[in-house]
């Protein structure tokens, strides 16, 4: 998974992978659970990801999803 950092913000753009039919949910969950405390994680998706949000919440990670355009959503969470 390609992760770019901007200070304490980890930026992951999964739009192309998901559009090709890939399902990197487990990779995301693993990355978030292993991220350093205080890391802000910004995940770009081609659609809302309610199942991913529910799984993040099940491991104690709250998130916010913002629509940024057609087929572009940003899910933001913080590793506490």
Protein backbone atom coordinates (compact mmCIF):
# COMPACT_ATOMS: atom_id res chain seq x y z
CA UNK A 1 0.00 0.00 0.00
CA UNK A 2 1.41 3.37 -1.01
CA UNK A 3 1.44 5.79 1.94
CA UNK A 4 2.66 9.37 1.67
CA UNK A 5 3.39 11.45 4.75
CA UNK A 6 2.86 15.15 5.27
CA UNK A 7 4.21 15.63 8.80
CA UNK A 8 2.05 13.54 11.13
CA UNK A 9 -0.55 12.96 8.38
CA UNK A 10 -0.48 9.66 6.51
CA UNK A 11 -2.20 10.00 3.13
CA UNK A 12 -3.44 6.87 1.38
CA UNK A 13 -5.15 7.14 -2.01
CA UNK A 14 -6.99 3.92 -2.82
CA UNK A 15 -9.30 5.19 -5.55
CA UNK A 16 -7.52 3.42 -8.42
CA UNK A 17 -7.12 0.13 -6.55
CA UNK A 18 -10.75 0.00 -5.48
CA UNK A 19 -11.95 1.04 -8.95
CA UNK A 20 -10.00 -1.96 -10.33
CA UNK A 21 -11.96 -4.25 -8.01
CA UNK A 22 -9.39 -4.63 -5.23
CA UNK A 23 -10.51 -4.71 -1.61
CA UNK A 24 -7.62 -3.46 0.58
CA UNK A 25 -9.73 -3.21 3.75
CA UNK A 26 -7.49 -5.55 5.77
CA UNK A 27 -4.39 -3.59 4.71
CA UNK A 28 -6.03 -0.38 5.91
CA UNK A 29 -7.08 -1.88 9.24
CA UNK A 30 -3.58 -3.26 9.78
CA UNK A 31 -1.96 0.08 8.90
CA UNK A 32 -4.27 2.05 11.21
CA UNK A 33 -3.81 -0.36 14.12
CA UNK A 34 -0.01 -0.21 13.75
CA UNK A 35 0.30 3.55 13.16
CA UNK A 36 2.07 5.64 15.77
CA UNK A 37 -0.12 7.35 18.35
CA UNK A 38 -1.17 10.78 17.12
CA UNK A 39 -0.98 9.89 13.43
CA UNK A 40 -3.76 11.44 11.38
CA UNK A 41 -4.77 9.06 8.60
CA UNK A 42 -6.38 10.43 5.44
CA UNK A 43 -7.80 7.74 3.15
CA UNK A 44 -9.08 8.68 -0.32
CA UNK A 45 -11.79 6.39 -1.70
CA UNK A 46 -14.03 6.29 -4.80
CA UNK A 47 -17.13 5.66 -2.67
CA UNK A 48 -18.37 5.87 0.90
CA UNK A 49 -16.99 2.97 2.89
CA UNK A 50 -19.54 2.25 5.61
CA UNK A 51 -18.18 -1.25 6.23
CA UNK A 52 -14.63 0.08 6.68
CA UNK A 53 -15.92 2.81 9.02
CA UNK A 54 -17.76 0.17 11.08
CA UNK A 55 -14.62 -1.99 11.29
CA UNK A 56 -12.51 1.00 12.33
CA UNK A 57 -15.06 1.79 15.04
CA UNK A 58 -14.93 -1.83 16.22
CA UNK A 59 -11.21 -1.36 17.00
CA UNK A 60 -11.84 1.97 18.74
CA UNK A 61 -11.01 4.34 15.86
CA UNK A 62 -13.55 7.08 15.12
CA UNK A 63 -13.59 8.55 11.63
CA UNK A 64 -15.21 11.23 9.52
CA UNK A 65 -16.02 10.88 5.82
CA UNK A 66 -16.20 13.93 3.55
CA UNK A 67 -17.32 13.97 -0.09
CA UNK A 68 -14.73 15.83 -2.17
CA UNK A 69 -16.20 15.34 -5.65
CA UNK A 70 -17.64 12.74 -7.99
CA UNK A 71 -16.28 9.35 -6.93
CA UNK A 72 -13.95 10.95 -4.39
CA UNK A 73 -14.44 10.62 -0.65
CA UNK A 74 -11.95 11.33 2.14
CA UNK A 75 -12.06 9.26 5.31
CA UNK A 76 -10.13 10.85 8.19
CA UNK A 77 -9.19 9.22 11.47
CA UNK A 78 -6.58 9.62 14.22
CA UNK A 79 -4.65 6.82 15.86
CA UNK A 80 -5.08 7.45 19.60
